[in-house]
Amino acid sequence: MFEIIVIVAACVAMYRIADSDGLSPWAWVGITLALCVASFVIPLPLVRVAVAAVLAFVGMIAYKVVANR
């Protein structure tokens, strides 16, 4: 149950960051949620959500670097 709360918190954080940066917030929420769901192959419960959230943040930073924002 705690893992679902952390997934929702990661999605809300990505929504707020993307909205404040002028990016599409729902697209980044979808990317974060997809990474969280795809990370269910990692056997450790909270580690997989942390890895997915970090990957989403790194992906946003990489996108901003490539797009020169």
N, C-alpha and C. Protein backbone atom coordinates (compact mmCIF):
# COMPACT_ATOMS: atom_id res chain seq x y z
N MET A 1 0.82 -1.19 0.00
CA MET A 1 0.00 0.00 0.00
C MET A 1 0.87 1.26 0.00
N PHE A 2 1.96 1.22 0.78
CA PHE A 2 2.85 2.37 0.85
C PHE A 2 3.50 2.64 -0.51
N GLU A 3 3.73 1.58 -1.26
CA GLU A 3 4.33 1.73 -2.59
C GLU A 3 3.41 2.52 -3.53
N ILE A 4 2.12 2.31 -3.44
CA ILE A 4 1.17 3.05 -4.27
C ILE A 4 1.18 4.53 -3.90
N ILE A 5 1.30 4.81 -2.61
CA ILE A 5 1.36 6.21 -2.17
C ILE A 5 2.61 6.88 -2.72
N VAL A 6 3.73 6.17 -2.73
CA VAL A 6 4.98 6.73 -3.26
C VAL A 6 4.88 6.94 -4.77
N ILE A 7 4.20 6.04 -5.48
CA ILE A 7 4.00 6.20 -6.92
C ILE A 7 3.17 7.45 -7.20
N VAL A 8 2.11 7.63 -6.43
CA VAL A 8 1.26 8.82 -6.61
C VAL A 8 2.07 10.09 -6.29
N ALA A 9 2.88 10.04 -5.25
CA ALA A 9 3.70 11.21 -4.89
C ALA A 9 4.70 11.53 -6.00
N ALA A 10 5.29 10.53 -6.61
CA ALA A 10 6.23 10.76 -7.71
C ALA A 10 5.51 11.37 -8.91
N CYS A 11 4.31 10.88 -9.20
CA CYS A 11 3.54 11.43 -10.32
C CYS A 11 3.13 12.87 -10.06
N VAL A 12 2.72 13.18 -8.83
CA VAL A 12 2.34 14.55 -8.49
C VAL A 12 3.55 15.47 -8.58
N ALA A 13 4.70 15.00 -8.10
CA ALA A 13 5.92 15.81 -8.18
C ALA A 13 6.29 16.10 -9.63
N MET A 14 6.20 15.09 -10.49
CA MET A 14 6.53 15.30 -11.91
C MET A 14 5.51 16.24 -12.56
N TYR A 15 4.25 16.15 -12.17
CA TYR A 15 3.24 17.05 -12.70
C TYR A 15 3.58 18.50 -12.36
N ARG A 16 3.91 18.73 -11.10
CA ARG A 16 4.19 20.10 -10.68
C ARG A 16 5.47 20.64 -11.29
N ILE A 17 6.49 19.81 -11.41
CA ILE A 17 7.74 20.25 -12.02
C ILE A 17 7.54 20.55 -13.50
N ALA A 18 6.85 19.66 -14.20
CA ALA A 18 6.62 19.88 -15.63
C ALA A 18 5.74 21.10 -15.86
N ASP A 19 4.75 21.31 -15.02
CA ASP A 19 3.87 22.47 -15.17
C ASP A 19 4.63 23.77 -14.91
N SER A 20 5.51 23.77 -13.94
CA SER A 20 6.26 24.99 -13.64
C SER A 20 7.32 25.29 -14.70
N ASP A 21 7.79 24.25 -15.41
CA ASP A 21 8.79 24.44 -16.46
C ASP A 21 8.17 24.71 -17.82
N GLY A 22 6.86 24.68 -17.92
CA GLY A 22 6.20 24.94 -19.20
C GLY A 22 6.15 23.73 -20.11
N LEU A 23 6.36 22.55 -19.58
CA LEU A 23 6.26 21.32 -20.36
C LEU A 23 4.86 20.73 -20.21
N SER A 24 4.56 19.69 -20.94
CA SER A 24 3.26 19.04 -20.85
C SER A 24 3.21 18.18 -19.58
N PRO A 25 2.46 18.61 -18.57
CA PRO A 25 2.48 17.86 -17.31
C PRO A 25 1.89 16.46 -17.41
N TRP A 26 0.84 16.28 -18.19
CA TRP A 26 0.21 14.96 -18.27
C TRP A 26 1.09 13.97 -19.02
N ALA A 27 1.88 14.45 -19.96
CA ALA A 27 2.81 13.56 -20.65
C ALA A 27 3.87 13.04 -19.68
N TRP A 28 4.37 13.92 -18.82
CA TRP A 28 5.39 13.50 -17.86
C TRP A 28 4.80 12.64 -16.75
N VAL A 29 3.55 12.86 -16.41
CA VAL A 29 2.90 11.96 -15.45
C VAL A 29 2.76 10.57 -16.07
N GLY A 30 2.39 10.53 -17.34
CA GLY A 30 2.28 9.24 -18.03
C GLY A 30 3.61 8.51 -18.12
N ILE A 31 4.68 9.27 -18.40
CA ILE A 31 6.01 8.66 -18.47
C ILE A 31 6.41 8.12 -17.10
N THR A 32 6.16 8.89 -16.05
CA THR A 32 6.50 8.46 -14.70
C THR A 32 5.70 7.23 -14.29
N LEU A 33 4.43 7.24 -14.58
CA LEU A 33 3.58 6.10 -14.24
C LEU A 33 4.00 4.86 -15.03
N ALA A 34 4.33 5.04 -16.29
CA ALA A 34 4.79 3.90 -17.10
C ALA A 34 6.10 3.33 -16.56
N LEU A 35 7.01 4.20 -16.15
CA LEU A 35 8.26 3.72 -15.57
C LEU A 35 8.03 3.01 -14.25
N CYS A 36 7.10 3.50 -13.45
CA CYS A 36 6.79 2.84 -12.17
C CYS A 36 6.18 1.46 -12.39
N VAL A 37 5.30 1.36 -13.36
CA VAL A 37 4.68 0.07 -13.65
C VAL A 37 5.70 -0.88 -14.27
N ALA A 38 6.55 -0.36 -15.16
CA ALA A 38 7.55 -1.20 -15.80
C ALA A 38 8.63 -1.67 -14.82
N SER A 39 8.80 -0.94 -13.74
CA SER A 39 9.84 -1.30 -12.78
C SER A 39 9.41 -2.42 -11.84
N PHE A 40 8.24 -2.99 -12.02
CA PHE A 40 7.79 -4.06 -11.15
C PHE A 40 8.57 -5.36 -11.34
N VAL A 41 9.52 -5.38 -12.28
CA VAL A 41 10.37 -6.56 -12.43
C VAL A 41 11.49 -6.56 -11.40
N ILE A 42 11.76 -5.41 -10.76
CA ILE A 42 12.75 -5.34 -9.69
C ILE A 42 12.10 -5.90 -8.42
N PRO A 43 12.74 -6.85 -7.75
CA PRO A 43 12.09 -7.52 -6.63
C PRO A 43 11.94 -6.69 -5.35
N LEU A 44 12.73 -5.65 -5.17
CA LEU A 44 12.64 -4.86 -3.94
C LEU A 44 11.58 -3.78 -4.09
N PRO A 45 10.57 -3.74 -3.21
CA PRO A 45 9.39 -2.89 -3.39
C PRO A 45 9.67 -1.40 -3.52
N LEU A 46 10.28 -0.77 -2.54
CA LEU A 46 10.45 0.68 -2.59
C LEU A 46 11.63 1.09 -3.47
N VAL A 47 12.55 0.19 -3.68
CA VAL A 47 13.69 0.49 -4.55
C VAL A 47 13.21 0.67 -5.99
N ARG A 48 12.27 -0.15 -6.41
CA ARG A 48 11.80 -0.04 -7.79
C ARG A 48 11.09 1.28 -8.05
N VAL A 49 10.34 1.79 -7.08
CA VAL A 49 9.66 3.07 -7.26
C VAL A 49 10.68 4.20 -7.24
N ALA A 50 11.68 4.09 -6.37
CA ALA A 50 12.73 5.11 -6.33
C ALA A 50 13.50 5.14 -7.64
N VAL A 51 13.81 3.98 -8.18
CA VAL A 51 14.53 3.92 -9.45
C VAL A 51 13.68 4.52 -10.56
N ALA A 52 12.40 4.22 -10.59
CA ALA A 52 11.52 4.76 -11.63
C ALA A 52 11.39 6.27 -11.51
N ALA A 53 11.26 6.78 -10.29
CA ALA A 53 11.14 8.22 -10.10
C ALA A 53 12.42 8.94 -10.50
N VAL A 54 13.55 8.39 -10.14
CA VAL A 54 14.84 8.98 -10.52
C VAL A 54 15.00 8.95 -12.03
N LEU A 55 14.62 7.86 -12.67
CA LEU A 55 14.71 7.78 -14.13
C LEU A 55 13.82 8.83 -14.80
N ALA A 56 12.66 9.08 -14.24
CA ALA A 56 11.77 10.10 -14.80
C ALA A 56 12.39 11.49 -14.68
N PHE A 57 12.96 11.79 -13.51
CA PHE A 57 13.61 13.09 -13.32
C PHE A 57 14.82 13.25 -14.24
N VAL A 58 15.62 12.20 -14.36
CA VAL A 58 16.78 12.23 -15.26
C VAL A 58 16.32 12.38 -16.70
N GLY A 59 15.24 11.72 -17.05
CA GLY A 59 14.69 11.86 -18.40
C GLY A 59 14.25 13.29 -18.69
N MET A 60 13.64 13.93 -17.71
CA MET A 60 13.22 15.31 -17.90
C MET A 60 14.43 16.23 -18.05
N ILE A 61 15.44 16.02 -17.24
CA ILE A 61 16.65 16.82 -17.35
C ILE A 61 17.31 16.61 -18.70
N ALA A 62 17.38 15.37 -19.15
CA ALA A 62 17.98 15.08 -20.46
C ALA A 62 17.18 15.72 -21.58
N TYR A 63 15.85 15.69 -21.48
CA TYR A 63 15.02 16.33 -22.49
C TYR A 63 15.28 17.84 -22.54
N LYS A 64 15.39 18.45 -21.35
CA LYS A 64 15.61 19.88 -21.30
C LYS A 64 16.99 20.25 -21.85
N VAL A 65 17.99 19.40 -21.63
CA VAL A 65 19.33 19.67 -22.17
C VAL A 65 19.32 19.56 -23.69
N VAL A 66 18.67 18.53 -24.19
CA VAL A 66 18.62 18.33 -25.65
C VAL A 66 17.79 19.42 -26.31
N ALA A 67 16.70 19.83 -25.67
CA ALA A 67 15.82 20.85 -26.26
C ALA A 67 16.30 22.27 -25.97
N ASN A 68 17.40 22.42 -25.23
CA ASN A 68 17.96 23.74 -24.88
C ASN A 68 16.95 24.63 -24.17
N ARG A 69 16.29 24.10 -23.16
CA ARG A 69 15.31 24.88 -22.41
C ARG A 69 15.94 25.41 -21.16
